[in-house]
Amino acid sequence: MIIVAEESALSEDAGMLMAALSQTLKAITGSSGQGKFDAAAMAQPGCCFAIARDGAGNLLGCGAIRPLPGYAGVAELKRMFALKSSAGAGTALLRFLESRAREAGYHAVWLETRRINQRAVDFYLHRGYQPISAFAPYCGKQEAVCLGRNLNDGG
């Protein structure tokens, strides 16, 4: 059983998951991605930080949405991470965050990942995300791939 709930991005559990994510990203891409996320900002309207746990309360993963500045009605997906031993946690987190985005009035969810992170690219493509034009601050960055999903089409 996977339980996903909104939690504080400043909690110890969130910190442990995001540290594991940063270490994983650094190994895959050479960058931890930490500089593009402010945990304290997750308390602002339109934001949601979620943690997935198993039935015993063990950590499985995390993820967040926030408003994408300059793109009305678009939520940006950030800090998505699931432990390798947590089959289904990534999908559960993604669907939870998409639901929260709909509830907050967003019409789309966009994200950026690195092309070299093929596992992440495949994960999103298999869950209905499509390539989109690069959005700020990723415009002109060849290593970046931007993906999006329209939430108003039943997706």
Protein backbone atom coordinates (compact mmCIF):
# COMPACT_ATOMS: atom_id res chain seq x y z
CA MET A 1 0.00 0.00 0.00
CA ILE A 2 1.24 3.48 -0.93
CA ILE A 3 -0.06 6.50 0.98
CA VAL A 4 0.62 9.97 -0.43
CA ALA A 5 -0.06 13.07 1.63
CA GLU A 6 0.80 16.74 1.62
CA GLU A 7 3.55 17.43 4.15
CA SER A 8 5.99 20.20 4.98
CA ALA A 9 8.93 20.51 2.63
CA LEU A 10 10.90 21.67 5.67
CA SER A 11 10.39 18.44 7.63
CA GLU A 12 13.23 16.07 8.47
CA ASP A 13 11.67 13.38 6.26
CA ALA A 14 11.42 15.79 3.32
CA GLY A 15 15.04 16.78 3.86
CA MET A 16 16.19 13.15 3.81
CA LEU A 17 14.29 12.42 0.59
CA MET A 18 15.50 15.57 -1.16
CA ALA A 19 19.09 14.85 -0.10
CA ALA A 20 18.79 11.38 -1.65
CA LEU A 21 17.32 12.96 -4.79
CA SER A 22 20.15 15.48 -4.98
CA GLN A 23 22.76 12.75 -4.63
CA THR A 24 21.05 10.68 -7.35
CA LEU A 25 20.75 13.63 -9.74
CA LYS A 26 24.39 14.62 -9.16
CA ALA A 27 25.48 11.08 -10.10
CA ILE A 28 23.33 11.05 -13.26
CA THR A 29 23.59 14.65 -14.50
CA GLY A 30 26.45 16.27 -12.62
CA SER A 31 24.03 18.71 -10.93
CA SER A 32 22.00 18.22 -7.75
CA GLY A 33 19.20 20.54 -8.86
CA GLN A 34 19.02 22.01 -5.36
CA GLY A 35 19.48 25.59 -6.52
CA LYS A 36 16.15 25.61 -8.35
CA PHE A 37 13.97 24.72 -5.36
CA ASP A 38 13.07 26.68 -2.23
CA ALA A 39 11.49 24.40 0.37
CA ALA A 40 10.23 27.35 2.43
CA ALA A 41 8.27 28.64 -0.58
CA MET A 42 6.14 25.47 -0.54
CA ALA A 43 3.96 27.10 2.15
CA GLN A 44 2.74 29.68 -0.39
CA PRO A 45 -0.64 29.44 -2.15
CA GLY A 46 -0.66 27.22 -5.22
CA CYS A 47 2.17 25.04 -3.91
CA CYS A 48 2.07 21.47 -2.66
CA PHE A 49 4.84 19.24 -1.34
CA ALA A 50 3.92 15.58 -0.95
CA ILE A 51 5.55 12.51 0.54
CA ALA A 52 4.76 8.89 -0.29
CA ARG A 53 4.99 6.25 2.42
CA ASP A 54 4.22 2.56 2.66
CA GLY A 55 1.60 1.17 5.03
CA ALA A 56 4.17 1.02 7.84
CA GLY A 57 5.06 4.70 7.39
CA ASN A 58 8.40 4.12 5.68
CA LEU A 59 9.49 6.82 3.22
CA LEU A 60 9.09 5.99 -0.47
CA GLY A 61 9.42 9.32 -2.28
CA CYS A 62 8.49 12.96 -2.65
CA GLY A 63 7.45 15.60 -5.15
CA ALA A 64 6.10 19.12 -5.41
CA ILE A 65 4.16 21.53 -7.58
CA ARG A 66 4.41 25.28 -7.62
CA PRO A 67 3.11 28.09 -9.84
CA LEU A 68 5.32 28.62 -12.89
CA PRO A 69 6.05 32.37 -13.06
CA GLY A 70 5.05 33.91 -16.36
CA TYR A 71 2.80 31.00 -17.35
CA ALA A 72 -0.73 31.53 -16.02
CA GLY A 73 -2.50 28.32 -15.02
CA VAL A 74 0.62 26.16 -15.23
CA ALA A 75 2.09 24.26 -12.30
CA GLU A 76 5.73 23.25 -12.39
CA LEU A 77 6.58 19.78 -11.11
CA LYS A 78 9.68 19.81 -8.89
CA ARG A 79 11.79 17.45 -6.77
CA MET A 80 10.07 14.26 -7.93
CA PHE A 81 11.85 11.27 -6.47
CA ALA A 82 11.04 7.70 -5.56
CA LEU A 83 13.37 5.21 -3.97
CA LYS A 84 14.34 2.42 -6.36
CA SER A 85 12.74 -0.20 -4.11
CA SER A 86 9.37 1.59 -4.11
CA ALA A 87 7.50 0.28 -7.15
CA GLY A 88 4.47 2.45 -7.85
CA ALA A 89 5.43 5.33 -5.57
CA GLY A 90 6.44 7.64 -8.42
CA THR A 91 3.14 7.15 -10.22
CA ALA A 92 1.18 7.58 -6.98
CA LEU A 93 3.03 10.83 -6.24
CA LEU A 94 2.55 12.14 -9.76
CA ARG A 95 -1.19 11.43 -9.77
CA PHE A 96 -1.59 12.98 -6.31
CA LEU A 97 0.20 16.15 -7.41
CA GLU A 98 -1.79 16.33 -10.65
CA SER A 99 -4.98 16.08 -8.59
CA ARG A 100 -3.81 18.86 -6.29
CA ALA A 101 -2.91 20.95 -9.34
CA ARG A 102 -6.44 20.54 -10.75
CA GLU A 103 -7.94 21.47 -7.37
CA ALA A 104 -5.76 24.61 -7.31
CA GLY A 105 -7.08 25.63 -10.74
CA TYR A 106 -4.06 24.77 -12.88
CA HIS A 107 -4.78 23.60 -16.43
CA ALA A 108 -1.37 22.03 -17.07
CA VAL A 109 1.69 20.60 -15.35
CA TRP A 110 5.11 21.21 -16.88
CA LEU A 111 8.53 19.93 -15.85
CA GLU A 112 12.15 19.90 -16.90
CA THR A 113 14.58 17.07 -16.62
CA ARG A 114 17.92 16.37 -18.24
CA ARG A 115 18.09 14.44 -21.50
CA ILE A 116 20.74 12.20 -19.97
CA ASN A 117 18.20 11.12 -17.32
CA GLN A 118 16.43 8.76 -19.72
CA ARG A 119 14.74 6.87 -16.90
CA ALA A 120 12.91 10.06 -15.85
CA VAL A 121 12.06 11.02 -19.43
CA ASP A 122 10.58 7.57 -20.06
CA PHE A 123 8.67 7.68 -16.77
CA TYR A 124 6.87 10.89 -17.75
CA LEU A 125 6.29 9.91 -21.38
CA HIS A 126 4.62 6.68 -20.24
CA ARG A 127 2.32 8.69 -17.98
CA GLY A 128 0.92 11.03 -20.62
CA TYR A 129 3.49 13.81 -20.69
CA GLN A 130 4.57 15.15 -24.06
CA PRO A 131 7.60 17.18 -25.16
CA ILE A 132 6.92 20.93 -25.04
CA SER A 133 8.94 24.00 -25.96
CA ALA A 134 11.52 24.94 -23.38
CA PHE A 135 10.27 27.39 -20.76
CA ALA A 136 12.26 29.83 -18.64
CA PRO A 137 14.84 29.29 -17.26
CA TYR A 138 15.56 26.32 -19.57
CA CYS A 139 15.34 28.09 -22.94
CA GLY A 140 18.41 27.42 -25.04
CA LYS A 141 19.77 24.72 -22.73
CA GLN A 142 20.45 21.71 -24.94
CA GLU A 143 20.83 19.37 -21.97
CA ALA A 144 17.25 20.09 -20.84
CA VAL A 145 14.07 18.40 -21.99
CA CYS A 146 10.74 19.99 -21.07
CA LEU A 147 7.57 17.94 -20.84
CA GLY A 148 3.97 18.86 -20.12
CA ARG A 149 0.51 17.46 -19.59
CA ASN A 150 -2.86 19.14 -20.05
CA LEU A 151 -5.01 18.51 -16.99
CA ASN A 152 -8.27 19.52 -18.67
CA ASP A 153 -8.42 16.60 -21.10
CA GLY A 154 -9.08 13.99 -18.44
CA GLY A 155 -5.33 13.48 -18.05
